[in-house]
C-alpha atoms as a PDB file:
ATOM      1  CA  MET A   1      79.007  98.147  75.700  1.00  0.00           C
ATOM      2  CA  SER A   2      80.369  97.886  79.203  1.00  0.00           C
ATOM      3  CA  LEU A   3      83.949  97.536  80.316  1.00  0.00           C
ATOM      4  CA  ASN A   4      85.657  95.813  83.199  1.00  0.00           C
ATOM      5  CA  LEU A   5      87.708  98.608  84.729  1.00  0.00           C
ATOM      6  CA  TYR A   6      90.347  99.025  87.397  1.00  0.00           C
ATOM      7  CA  LEU A   7      91.036 102.405  89.006  1.00  0.00           C
ATOM      8  CA  ASP A   8      94.656 102.620  90.086  1.00  0.00           C
ATOM      9  CA  ASP A   9      95.507 104.611  93.230  1.00  0.00           C
ATOM     10  CA  CYS A  10      95.843 107.967  91.491  1.00  0.00           C
ATOM     11  CA  ALA A  11      92.486 107.674  89.666  1.00  0.00           C
ATOM     12  CA  ASN A  12      90.623 106.098  92.559  1.00  0.00           C
ATOM     13  CA  SER A  13      87.653 108.129  93.790  1.00  0.00           C
ATOM     14  CA  ASP A  14      84.185 107.340  95.078  1.00  0.00           C
ATOM     15  CA  LEU A  15      82.531 109.687  92.599  1.00  0.00           C
ATOM     16  CA  LEU A  16      84.374 108.310  89.559  1.00  0.00           C
ATOM     17  CA  ALA A  17      83.638 104.722  90.587  1.00  0.00           C
ATOM     18  CA  ASP A  18      79.943 105.576  91.088  1.00  0.00           C
ATOM     19  CA  LEU A  19      79.662 107.388  87.745  1.00  0.00           C
ATOM     20  CA  LEU A  20      81.354 104.527  85.902  1.00  0.00           C
ATOM     21  CA  ARG A  21      79.007 102.001  87.511  1.00  0.00           C
ATOM     22  CA  GLN A  22      76.002 104.175  86.612  1.00  0.00           C
ATOM     23  CA  ALA A  23      77.258 104.093  83.016  1.00  0.00           C
ATOM     24  CA  GLY A  24      77.112 100.280  83.165  1.00  0.00           C
ATOM     25  CA  HIS A  25      80.755  99.411  83.781  1.00  0.00           C
ATOM     26  CA  HIS A  26      82.132  96.914  86.279  1.00  0.00           C
ATOM     27  CA  VAL A  27      84.651  98.756  88.490  1.00  0.00           C
ATOM     28  CA  MET A  28      87.326  97.394  90.786  1.00  0.00           C
ATOM     29  CA  ARG A  29      89.391  99.577  93.069  1.00  0.00           C
ATOM     30  CA  PRO A  30      92.669  99.080  94.957  1.00  0.00           C
ATOM     31  CA  ALA A  31      90.833  98.352  98.227  1.00  0.00           C
ATOM     32  CA  ASP A  32      88.954  95.518  96.478  1.00  0.00           C
ATOM     33  CA  SER A  33      92.259  93.767  95.865  1.00  0.00           C
ATOM     34  CA  ASP A  34      94.371  94.825  98.865  1.00  0.00           C
ATOM     35  CA  LEU A  35      96.533  96.954  96.566  1.00  0.00           C
ATOM     36  CA  GLU A  36      96.106 100.383  98.150  1.00  0.00           C
ATOM     37  CA  GLY A  37      99.491 102.104  97.999  1.00  0.00           C
ATOM     38  CA  ALA A  38     101.038  99.369  95.856  1.00  0.00           C
ATOM     39  CA  ASN A  39     103.425 100.222  93.037  1.00  0.00           C
ATOM     40  CA  ASP A  40     102.235 100.564  89.452  1.00  0.00           C
ATOM     41  CA  HIS A  41     103.639  97.162  88.475  1.00  0.00           C
ATOM     42  CA  ALA A  42     101.380  95.491  91.061  1.00  0.00           C
ATOM     43  CA  HIS A  43      98.302  97.417  89.875  1.00  0.00           C
ATOM     44  CA  PHE A  44      99.101  96.569  86.250  1.00  0.00           C
ATOM     45  CA  ALA A  45      99.722  92.889  87.002  1.00  0.00           C
ATOM     46  CA  PHE A  46      96.417  92.634  88.893  1.00  0.00           C
ATOM     47  CA  ALA A  47      94.515  94.277  86.041  1.00  0.00           C
ATOM     48  CA  VAL A  48      96.142  92.017  83.446  1.00  0.00           C
ATOM     49  CA  ALA A  49      95.464  88.877  85.479  1.00  0.00           C
ATOM     50  CA  ASN A  50      91.812  89.832  85.912  1.00  0.00           C
ATOM     51  CA  GLY A  51      91.038  91.158  82.427  1.00  0.00           C
ATOM     52  CA  LEU A  52      90.546  94.741  83.579  1.00  0.00           C
ATOM     53  CA  ALA A  53      91.300  97.922  81.653  1.00  0.00           C
ATOM     54  CA  VAL A  54      93.277 100.330  83.826  1.00  0.00           C
ATOM     55  CA  ILE A  55      92.211 103.930  84.381  1.00  0.00           C
ATOM     56  CA  THR A  56      95.171 105.994  85.547  1.00  0.00           C
ATOM     57  CA  LYS A  57      96.216 109.579  86.108  1.00  0.00           C
ATOM     58  CA  ASN A  58      99.834 108.432  85.953  1.00  0.00           C
ATOM     59  CA  PRO A  59     100.211 108.114  82.188  1.00  0.00           C
ATOM     60  CA  SER A  60     103.986 107.982  81.836  1.00  0.00           C
ATOM     61  CA  ASP A  61     104.476 104.982  84.130  1.00  0.00           C
ATOM     62  CA  PHE A  62     101.610 103.061  82.551  1.00  0.00           C
ATOM     63  CA  GLU A  63     102.756 103.874  79.028  1.00  0.00           C
ATOM     64  CA  ASN A  64     106.101 102.303  79.986  1.00  0.00           C
ATOM     65  CA  LEU A  65     104.277  99.224  81.339  1.00  0.00           C
ATOM     66  CA  HIS A  66     102.284  99.022  78.101  1.00  0.00           C
ATOM     67  CA  ASP A  67     105.515  99.145  76.100  1.00  0.00           C
ATOM     68  CA  LEU A  68     106.939  96.302  78.202  1.00  0.00           C
ATOM     69  CA  ASP A  69     103.827  94.121  77.925  1.00  0.00           C
ATOM     70  CA  PRO A  70     101.006  95.107  75.556  1.00  0.00           C
ATOM     71  CA  ARG A  71      98.950  92.015  76.444  1.00  0.00           C
ATOM     72  CA  HIS A  72      96.372  93.806  78.575  1.00  0.00           C
ATOM     73  CA  SER A  73      92.721  94.854  78.409  1.00  0.00           C
ATOM     74  CA  GLY A  74      93.589  98.490  77.760  1.00  0.00           C
ATOM     75  CA  ILE A  75      95.120 101.460  79.514  1.00  0.00           C
ATOM     76  CA  LEU A  76      92.958 104.574  79.751  1.00  0.00           C
ATOM     77  CA  ALA A  77      95.257 107.419  80.715  1.00  0.00           C
ATOM     78  CA  ILE A  78      94.296 110.870  81.932  1.00  0.00           C
ATOM     79  CA  TYR A  79      96.778 113.720  81.571  1.00  0.00           C
ATOM     80  CA  GLN A  80      96.481 116.505  84.139  1.00  0.00           C
ATOM     81  CA  ASP A  81      97.951 119.984  84.292  1.00  0.00           C
ATOM     82  CA  ASN A  82      96.598 120.850  87.739  1.00  0.00           C
ATOM     83  CA  ASP A  83      94.481 123.452  85.991  1.00  0.00           C
ATOM     84  CA  PRO A  84      90.780 123.054  86.769  1.00  0.00           C
ATOM     85  CA  ASP A  85      89.867 124.702  83.457  1.00  0.00           C
ATOM     86  CA  ARG A  86      91.759 122.039  81.452  1.00  0.00           C
ATOM     87  CA  ASP A  87      91.807 118.951  83.668  1.00  0.00           C
ATOM     88  CA  MET A  88      89.103 116.352  83.113  1.00  0.00           C
ATOM     89  CA  SER A  89      86.323 116.057  85.665  1.00  0.00           C
ATOM     90  CA  ASP A  90      84.998 112.637  86.635  1.00  0.00           C
ATOM     91  CA  ALA A  91      82.017 113.230  84.321  1.00  0.00           C
ATOM     92  CA  ASP A  92      84.441 114.130  81.494  1.00  0.00           C
ATOM     93  CA  ILE A  93      86.274 110.849  82.063  1.00  0.00           C
ATOM     94  CA  VAL A  94      83.062 108.814  81.836  1.00  0.00           C
ATOM     95  CA  LYS A  95      82.038 110.657  78.653  1.00  0.00           C
ATOM     96  CA  ALA A  96      85.476 110.140  77.096  1.00  0.00           C
ATOM     97  CA  ILE A  97      85.247 106.396  77.793  1.00  0.00           C
ATOM     98  CA  SER A  98      81.830 106.360  76.134  1.00  0.00           C
ATOM     99  CA  ASN A  99      83.259 108.136  73.080  1.00  0.00           C
ATOM    100  CA  LEU A 100      86.172 105.681  72.906  1.00  0.00           C
ATOM    101  CA  GLU A 101      83.799 102.712  73.222  1.00  0.00           C
ATOM    102  CA  ALA A 102      81.585 104.073  70.450  1.00  0.00           C
ATOM    103  CA  SER A 103      84.565 104.426  68.133  1.00  0.00           C
ATOM    104  CA  ALA A 104      85.841 100.934  68.944  1.00  0.00           C
ATOM    105  CA  SER A 105      82.394  99.445  68.295  1.00  0.00           C
ATOM    106  CA  ILE A 106      82.350 100.752  64.713  1.00  0.00           C
ATOM    107  CA  GLY A 107      85.831  99.606  63.775  1.00  0.00           C
ATOM    108  CA  GLY A 108      88.053 102.195  65.450  1.00  0.00           C
ATOM    109  CA  GLU A 109      91.116 101.228  67.433  1.00  0.00           C
ATOM    110  CA  PRO A 110      90.212  98.523  69.962  1.00  0.00           C
ATOM    111  CA  ILE A 111      90.504  99.263  73.649  1.00  0.00           C
ATOM    112  CA  ALA A 112      92.361  96.076  74.589  1.00  0.00           C
ATOM    113  CA  ARG A 113      96.116  95.964  73.999  1.00  0.00           C
ATOM    114  CA  HIS A 114      96.296  99.727  73.439  1.00  0.00           C
ATOM    115  CA  PHE A 115      97.301 102.792  75.427  1.00  0.00           C
ATOM    116  CA  HIS A 116      94.618 105.484  75.109  1.00  0.00           C
ATOM    117  CA  SER A 117      94.754 109.089  76.227  1.00  0.00           C
ATOM    118  CA  LEU A 118      91.228 109.846  77.420  1.00  0.00           C
ATOM    119  CA  ASN A 119      91.986 113.530  76.934  1.00  0.00           C
ATOM    120  CA  ASP A 120      91.852 112.850  73.185  1.00  0.00           C
ATOM    121  CA  TRP A 121      88.309 111.483  73.554  1.00  0.00           C
ATOM    122  CA  ARG A 122      86.951 114.488  75.436  1.00  0.00           C
ATOM    123  CA  TYR A 123      84.317 116.094  73.228  1.00  0.00           C
END
């Protein structure tokens, strides 16, 4: 299964985008949509309008956006403690998405219309 993903400003990195594409996902980034430095509402609105699941390292703001409008393709949130031993690497993020996809494909919670903590899918 492949996803259509959008990296918001705080999750945007060349390595993450490359790893996600290597895993078979379609990835859009803020520069692709002239949204670099835009507020979270603009990133969310773009993702919703284009059927993209958002990957963010700003979970609280995007959880609030999800609560306001759950009609989206999914929010994949990454919680960080600024501790390299606990924070997810880009490879961890890709693996967590794969684990979430596998669960969804066998009847687990769907990705669309839900807020997911990728940290919970890190195994």
